[in-house]
Amino acid sequence: MKTYDSQNKLVGEINTTFMQDGTVVTTNTIYNANSGQAISQHISVRNAQGKVTTRNTFGGKLLP
């Protein structure tokens, strides 16, 4: 899902991927509306047993 500002510029994006082994990867990326560059990204991974791990990055992004 993508989020746009009032001038139709991309400001955020959430992606969820379901893997065959039951793992779910969710990324939440925030963009600079003026330059289009990623400001930060939050990555959440839930494995098949329900354990959740998270990672935050600033100044870019790790996953698409």
PDB file of N, CA and C in Angstrom:
ATOM      1  N   MET A   1       0.847  -1.158   0.000  1.00  0.00           N
ATOM      2  CA  MET A   1       0.000   0.000   0.000  1.00  0.00           C
ATOM      3  C   MET A   1       0.898   1.228   0.000  1.00  0.00           C
ATOM      4  N   LYS A   2       0.600   2.186  -0.839  1.00  0.00           N
ATOM      5  CA  LYS A   2       1.373   3.416  -0.929  1.00  0.00           C
ATOM      6  C   LYS A   2       0.547   4.592  -0.430  1.00  0.00           C
ATOM      7  N   THR A   3       1.227   5.549   0.184  1.00  0.00           N
ATOM      8  CA  THR A   3       0.586   6.747   0.701  1.00  0.00           C
ATOM      9  C   THR A   3       1.177   7.958  -0.008  1.00  0.00           C
ATOM     10  N   TYR A   4       0.291   8.866  -0.451  1.00  0.00           N
ATOM     11  CA  TYR A   4       0.707  10.065  -1.183  1.00  0.00           C
ATOM     12  C   TYR A   4       0.244  11.306  -0.448  1.00  0.00           C
ATOM     13  N   ASP A   5       0.979  12.410  -0.621  1.00  0.00           N
ATOM     14  CA  ASP A   5       0.561  13.674  -0.027  1.00  0.00           C
ATOM     15  C   ASP A   5      -0.438  14.373  -0.944  1.00  0.00           C
ATOM     16  N   SER A   6      -0.838  15.588  -0.596  1.00  0.00           N
ATOM     17  CA  SER A   6      -1.850  16.314  -1.358  1.00  0.00           C
ATOM     18  C   SER A   6      -1.369  16.731  -2.750  1.00  0.00           C
ATOM     19  N   GLN A   7      -0.048  16.675  -2.990  1.00  0.00           N
ATOM     20  CA  GLN A   7       0.497  17.003  -4.309  1.00  0.00           C
ATOM     21  C   GLN A   7       0.835  15.730  -5.098  1.00  0.00           C
ATOM     22  N   ASN A   8       0.313  14.601  -4.631  1.00  0.00           N
ATOM     23  CA  ASN A   8       0.466  13.299  -5.283  1.00  0.00           C
ATOM     24  C   ASN A   8       1.922  12.808  -5.300  1.00  0.00           C
ATOM     25  N   LYS A   9       2.679  13.163  -4.267  1.00  0.00           N
ATOM     26  CA  LYS A   9       4.050  12.680  -4.123  1.00  0.00           C
ATOM     27  C   LYS A   9       4.064  11.547  -3.103  1.00  0.00           C
ATOM     28  N   LEU A  10       4.831  10.493  -3.378  1.00  0.00           N
ATOM     29  CA  LEU A  10       4.923   9.338  -2.500  1.00  0.00           C
ATOM     30  C   LEU A  10       5.584   9.717  -1.180  1.00  0.00           C
ATOM     31  N   VAL A  11       4.913   9.415  -0.050  1.00  0.00           N
ATOM     32  CA  VAL A  11       5.472   9.715   1.265  1.00  0.00           C
ATOM     33  C   VAL A  11       5.619   8.469   2.137  1.00  0.00           C
ATOM     34  N   GLY A  12       4.971   7.372   1.773  1.00  0.00           N
ATOM     35  CA  GLY A  12       5.072   6.163   2.577  1.00  0.00           C
ATOM     36  C   GLY A  12       4.636   4.934   1.804  1.00  0.00           C
ATOM     37  N   GLU A  13       5.114   3.768   2.282  1.00  0.00           N
ATOM     38  CA  GLU A  13       4.790   2.513   1.606  1.00  0.00           C
ATOM     39  C   GLU A  13       4.878   1.373   2.613  1.00  0.00           C
ATOM     40  N   ILE A  14       3.892   0.487   2.599  1.00  0.00           N
ATOM     41  CA  ILE A  14       3.891  -0.710   3.435  1.00  0.00           C
ATOM     42  C   ILE A  14       3.784  -1.922   2.517  1.00  0.00           C
ATOM     43  N   ASN A  15       4.707  -2.880   2.694  1.00  0.00           N
ATOM     44  CA  ASN A  15       4.696  -4.114   1.913  1.00  0.00           C
ATOM     45  C   ASN A  15       4.708  -5.301   2.861  1.00  0.00           C
ATOM     46  N   THR A  16       3.923  -6.314   2.554  1.00  0.00           N
ATOM     47  CA  THR A  16       3.901  -7.561   3.323  1.00  0.00           C
ATOM     48  C   THR A  16       4.150  -8.717   2.381  1.00  0.00           C
ATOM     49  N   THR A  17       5.077  -9.595   2.779  1.00  0.00           N
ATOM     50  CA  THR A  17       5.418 -10.770   1.980  1.00  0.00           C
ATOM     51  C   THR A  17       5.219 -12.013   2.838  1.00  0.00           C
ATOM     52  N   PHE A  18       4.516 -13.005   2.293  1.00  0.00           N
ATOM     53  CA  PHE A  18       4.282 -14.278   2.960  1.00  0.00           C
ATOM     54  C   PHE A  18       5.169 -15.331   2.308  1.00  0.00           C
ATOM     55  N   MET A  19       6.040 -15.956   3.101  1.00  0.00           N
ATOM     56  CA  MET A  19       6.960 -16.960   2.590  1.00  0.00           C
ATOM     57  C   MET A  19       6.343 -18.354   2.718  1.00  0.00           C
ATOM     58  N   GLN A  20       6.865 -19.309   1.964  1.00  0.00           N
ATOM     59  CA  GLN A  20       6.334 -20.671   1.987  1.00  0.00           C
ATOM     60  C   GLN A  20       6.504 -21.351   3.343  1.00  0.00           C
ATOM     61  N   ASP A  21       7.539 -20.981   4.088  1.00  0.00           N
ATOM     62  CA  ASP A  21       7.786 -21.617   5.387  1.00  0.00           C
ATOM     63  C   ASP A  21       6.951 -21.015   6.516  1.00  0.00           C
ATOM     64  N   GLY A  22       6.060 -20.072   6.211  1.00  0.00           N
ATOM     65  CA  GLY A  22       5.193 -19.461   7.212  1.00  0.00           C
ATOM     66  C   GLY A  22       5.695 -18.129   7.738  1.00  0.00           C
ATOM     67  N   THR A  23       6.861 -17.708   7.312  1.00  0.00           N
ATOM     68  CA  THR A  23       7.421 -16.425   7.731  1.00  0.00           C
ATOM     69  C   THR A  23       6.681 -15.281   7.039  1.00  0.00           C
ATOM     70  N   VAL A  24       6.434 -14.215   7.789  1.00  0.00           N
ATOM     71  CA  VAL A  24       5.793 -13.017   7.243  1.00  0.00           C
ATOM     72  C   VAL A  24       6.738 -11.841   7.439  1.00  0.00           C
ATOM     73  N   VAL A  25       7.076 -11.155   6.349  1.00  0.00           N
ATOM     74  CA  VAL A  25       7.968  -9.995   6.387  1.00  0.00           C
ATOM     75  C   VAL A  25       7.148  -8.763   6.020  1.00  0.00           C
ATOM     76  N   THR A  26       7.150  -7.761   6.915  1.00  0.00           N
ATOM     77  CA  THR A  26       6.430  -6.513   6.661  1.00  0.00           C
ATOM     78  C   THR A  26       7.431  -5.360   6.720  1.00  0.00           C
ATOM     79  N   THR A  27       7.413  -4.515   5.686  1.00  0.00           N
ATOM     80  CA  THR A  27       8.268  -3.329   5.669  1.00  0.00           C
ATOM     81  C   THR A  27       7.391  -2.084   5.627  1.00  0.00           C
ATOM     82  N   ASN A  28       7.807  -1.069   6.356  1.00  0.00           N
ATOM     83  CA  ASN A  28       7.131   0.227   6.372  1.00  0.00           C
ATOM     84  C   ASN A  28       8.198   1.272   6.076  1.00  0.00           C
ATOM     85  N   THR A  29       8.120   1.896   4.897  1.00  0.00           N
ATOM     86  CA  THR A  29       9.133   2.844   4.446  1.00  0.00           C
ATOM     87  C   THR A  29       8.540   4.242   4.373  1.00  0.00           C
ATOM     88  N   ILE A  30       9.280   5.226   4.910  1.00  0.00           N
ATOM     89  CA  ILE A  30       8.884   6.628   4.866  1.00  0.00           C
ATOM     90  C   ILE A  30       9.819   7.339   3.892  1.00  0.00           C
ATOM     91  N   TYR A  31       9.244   8.147   2.974  1.00  0.00           N
ATOM     92  CA  TYR A  31      10.015   8.842   1.950  1.00  0.00           C
ATOM     93  C   TYR A  31       9.962  10.344   2.144  1.00  0.00           C
ATOM     94  N   ASN A  32      11.007  11.025   1.690  1.00  0.00           N
ATOM     95  CA  ASN A  32      11.028  12.476   1.609  1.00  0.00           C
ATOM     96  C   ASN A  32      10.217  12.852   0.370  1.00  0.00           C
ATOM     97  N   ALA A  33       9.132  13.582   0.547  1.00  0.00           N
ATOM     98  CA  ALA A  33       8.247  13.913  -0.576  1.00  0.00           C
ATOM     99  C   ALA A  33       8.941  14.790  -1.612  1.00  0.00           C
ATOM    100  N   ASN A  34       9.894  15.606  -1.201  1.00  0.00           N
ATOM    101  CA  ASN A  34      10.570  16.499  -2.142  1.00  0.00           C
ATOM    102  C   ASN A  34      11.589  15.771  -3.014  1.00  0.00           C
ATOM    103  N   SER A  35      12.404  14.912  -2.395  1.00  0.00           N
ATOM    104  CA  SER A  35      13.471  14.246  -3.156  1.00  0.00           C
ATOM    105  C   SER A  35      13.108  12.824  -3.582  1.00  0.00           C
ATOM    106  N   GLY A  36      12.134  12.210  -2.912  1.00  0.00           N
ATOM    107  CA  GLY A  36      11.765  10.837  -3.226  1.00  0.00           C
ATOM    108  C   GLY A  36      12.659   9.797  -2.584  1.00  0.00           C
ATOM    109  N   GLN A  37      13.661  10.223  -1.819  1.00  0.00           N
ATOM    110  CA  GLN A  37      14.569   9.292  -1.171  1.00  0.00           C
ATOM    111  C   GLN A  37      13.976   8.754   0.123  1.00  0.00           C
ATOM    112  N   ALA A  38      14.352   7.506   0.446  1.00  0.00           N
ATOM    113  CA  ALA A  38      13.873   6.896   1.679  1.00  0.00           C
ATOM    114  C   ALA A  38      14.497   7.584   2.884  1.00  0.00           C
ATOM    115  N   ILE A  39      13.675   7.911   3.870  1.00  0.00           N
ATOM    116  CA  ILE A  39      14.142   8.523   5.114  1.00  0.00           C
ATOM    117  C   ILE A  39      14.400   7.434   6.138  1.00  0.00           C
ATOM    118  N   SER A  40      13.449   6.510   6.274  1.00  0.00           N
ATOM    119  CA  SER A  40      13.589   5.427   7.242  1.00  0.00           C
ATOM    120  C   SER A  40      12.774   4.219   6.799  1.00  0.00           C
ATOM    121  N   GLN A  41      13.128   3.072   7.372  1.00  0.00           N
ATOM    122  CA  GLN A  41      12.391   1.849   7.076  1.00  0.00           C
ATOM    123  C   GLN A  41      12.341   1.000   8.340  1.00  0.00           C
ATOM    124  N   HIS A  42      11.158   0.491   8.638  1.00  0.00           N
ATOM    125  CA  HIS A  42      10.939  -0.425   9.747  1.00  0.00           C
ATOM    126  C   HIS A  42      10.636  -1.798   9.143  1.00  0.00           C
ATOM    127  N   ILE A  43      11.396  -2.816   9.533  1.00  0.00           N
ATOM    128  CA  ILE A  43      11.208  -4.179   9.020  1.00  0.00           C
ATOM    129  C   ILE A  43      10.809  -5.066  10.185  1.00  0.00           C
ATOM    130  N   SER A  44       9.721  -5.796  10.013  1.00  0.00           N
ATOM    131  CA  SER A  44       9.229  -6.720  11.025  1.00  0.00           C
ATOM    132  C   SER A  44       9.130  -8.111  10.404  1.00  0.00           C
ATOM    133  N   VAL A  45       9.734  -9.099  11.071  1.00  0.00           N
ATOM    134  CA  VAL A  45       9.717 -10.474  10.577  1.00  0.00           C
ATOM    135  C   VAL A  45       9.100 -11.367  11.645  1.00  0.00           C
ATOM    136  N   ARG A  46       8.035 -12.090  11.266  1.00  0.00           N
ATOM    137  CA  ARG A  46       7.402 -13.057  12.174  1.00  0.00           C
ATOM    138  C   ARG A  46       7.611 -14.443  11.594  1.00  0.00           C
ATOM    139  N   ASN A  47       8.278 -15.324  12.358  1.00  0.00           N
ATOM    140  CA  ASN A  47       8.525 -16.665  11.842  1.00  0.00           C
ATOM    141  C   ASN A  47       7.317 -17.563  12.083  1.00  0.00           C
ATOM    142  N   ALA A  48       7.390 -18.803  11.623  1.00  0.00           N
ATOM    143  CA  ALA A  48       6.259 -19.735  11.702  1.00  0.00           C
ATOM    144  C   ALA A  48       5.879 -20.059  13.146  1.00  0.00           C
ATOM    145  N   GLN A  49       6.813 -19.907  14.074  1.00  0.00           N
ATOM    146  CA  GLN A  49       6.531 -20.174  15.488  1.00  0.00           C
ATOM    147  C   GLN A  49       5.966 -18.945  16.209  1.00  0.00           C
ATOM    148  N   GLY A  50       5.867 -17.826  15.525  1.00  0.00           N
ATOM    149  CA  GLY A  50       5.287 -16.616  16.095  1.00  0.00           C
ATOM    150  C   GLY A  50       6.292 -15.639  16.681  1.00  0.00           C
ATOM    151  N   LYS A  51       7.590 -15.956  16.634  1.00  0.00           N
ATOM    152  CA  LYS A  51       8.610 -15.044  17.157  1.00  0.00           C
ATOM    153  C   LYS A  51       8.771 -13.874  16.193  1.00  0.00           C
ATOM    154  N   VAL A  52       8.759 -12.658  16.743  1.00  0.00           N
ATOM    155  CA  VAL A  52       8.856 -11.447  15.932  1.00  0.00           C
ATOM    156  C   VAL A  52      10.192 -10.765  16.194  1.00  0.00           C
ATOM    157  N   THR A  53      10.865 -10.385  15.125  1.00  0.00           N
ATOM    158  CA  THR A  53      12.080  -9.571  15.223  1.00  0.00           C
ATOM    159  C   THR A  53      11.874  -8.324  14.368  1.00  0.00           C
ATOM    160  N   THR A  54      12.483  -7.224  14.802  1.00  0.00           N
ATOM    161  CA  THR A  54      12.325  -5.966  14.076  1.00  0.00           C
ATOM    162  C   THR A  54      13.683  -5.317  13.852  1.00  0.00           C
ATOM    163  N   ARG A  55      13.730  -4.464  12.849  1.00  0.00           N
ATOM    164  CA  ARG A  55      14.933  -3.694  12.553  1.00  0.00           C
ATOM    165  C   ARG A  55      14.482  -2.349  11.998  1.00  0.00           C
ATOM    166  N   ASN A  56      15.150  -1.288  12.451  1.00  0.00           N
ATOM    167  CA  ASN A  56      14.887   0.053  11.953  1.00  0.00           C
ATOM    168  C   ASN A  56      16.138   0.585  11.266  1.00  0.00           C
ATOM    169  N   THR A  57      15.954   1.222  10.125  1.00  0.00           N
ATOM    170  CA  THR A  57      17.068   1.873   9.447  1.00  0.00           C
ATOM    171  C   THR A  57      16.690   3.328   9.197  1.00  0.00           C
ATOM    172  N   PHE A  58      17.700   4.202   9.229  1.00  0.00           N
ATOM    173  CA  PHE A  58      17.482   5.619   8.996  1.00  0.00           C
ATOM    174  C   PHE A  58      18.419   6.072   7.889  1.00  0.00           C
ATOM    175  N   GLY A  59      17.942   6.931   7.016  1.00  0.00           N
ATOM    176  CA  GLY A  59      18.755   7.444   5.931  1.00  0.00           C
ATOM    177  C   GLY A  59      18.789   6.543   4.716  1.00  0.00           C
ATOM    178  N   GLY A  60      17.886   5.601   4.630  1.00  0.00           N
ATOM    179  CA  GLY A  60      17.838   4.684   3.498  1.00  0.00           C
ATOM    180  C   GLY A  60      16.930   3.519   3.803  1.00  0.00           C
ATOM    181  N   LYS A  61      17.078   2.439   3.004  1.00  0.00           N
ATOM    182  CA  LYS A  61      16.263   1.271   3.260  1.00  0.00           C
ATOM    183  C   LYS A  61      17.044   0.009   2.908  1.00  0.00           C
ATOM    184  N   LEU A  62      16.687  -1.106   3.553  1.00  0.00           N
ATOM    185  CA  LEU A  62      17.355  -2.371   3.336  1.00  0.00           C
ATOM    186  C   LEU A  62      16.623  -3.247   2.332  1.00  0.00           C
ATOM    187  N   LEU A  63      15.311  -3.268   2.399  1.00  0.00           N
ATOM    188  CA  LEU A  63      14.500  -4.113   1.542  1.00  0.00           C
ATOM    189  C   LEU A  63      13.637  -3.274   0.619  1.00  0.00           C
ATOM    190  N   PRO A  64      13.264  -3.836  -0.529  1.00  0.00           N
ATOM    191  CA  PRO A  64      12.388  -3.082  -1.447  1.00  0.00           C
ATOM    192  C   PRO A  64      11.005  -2.852  -0.876  1.00  0.00           C
TER     193      PRO A  64
END
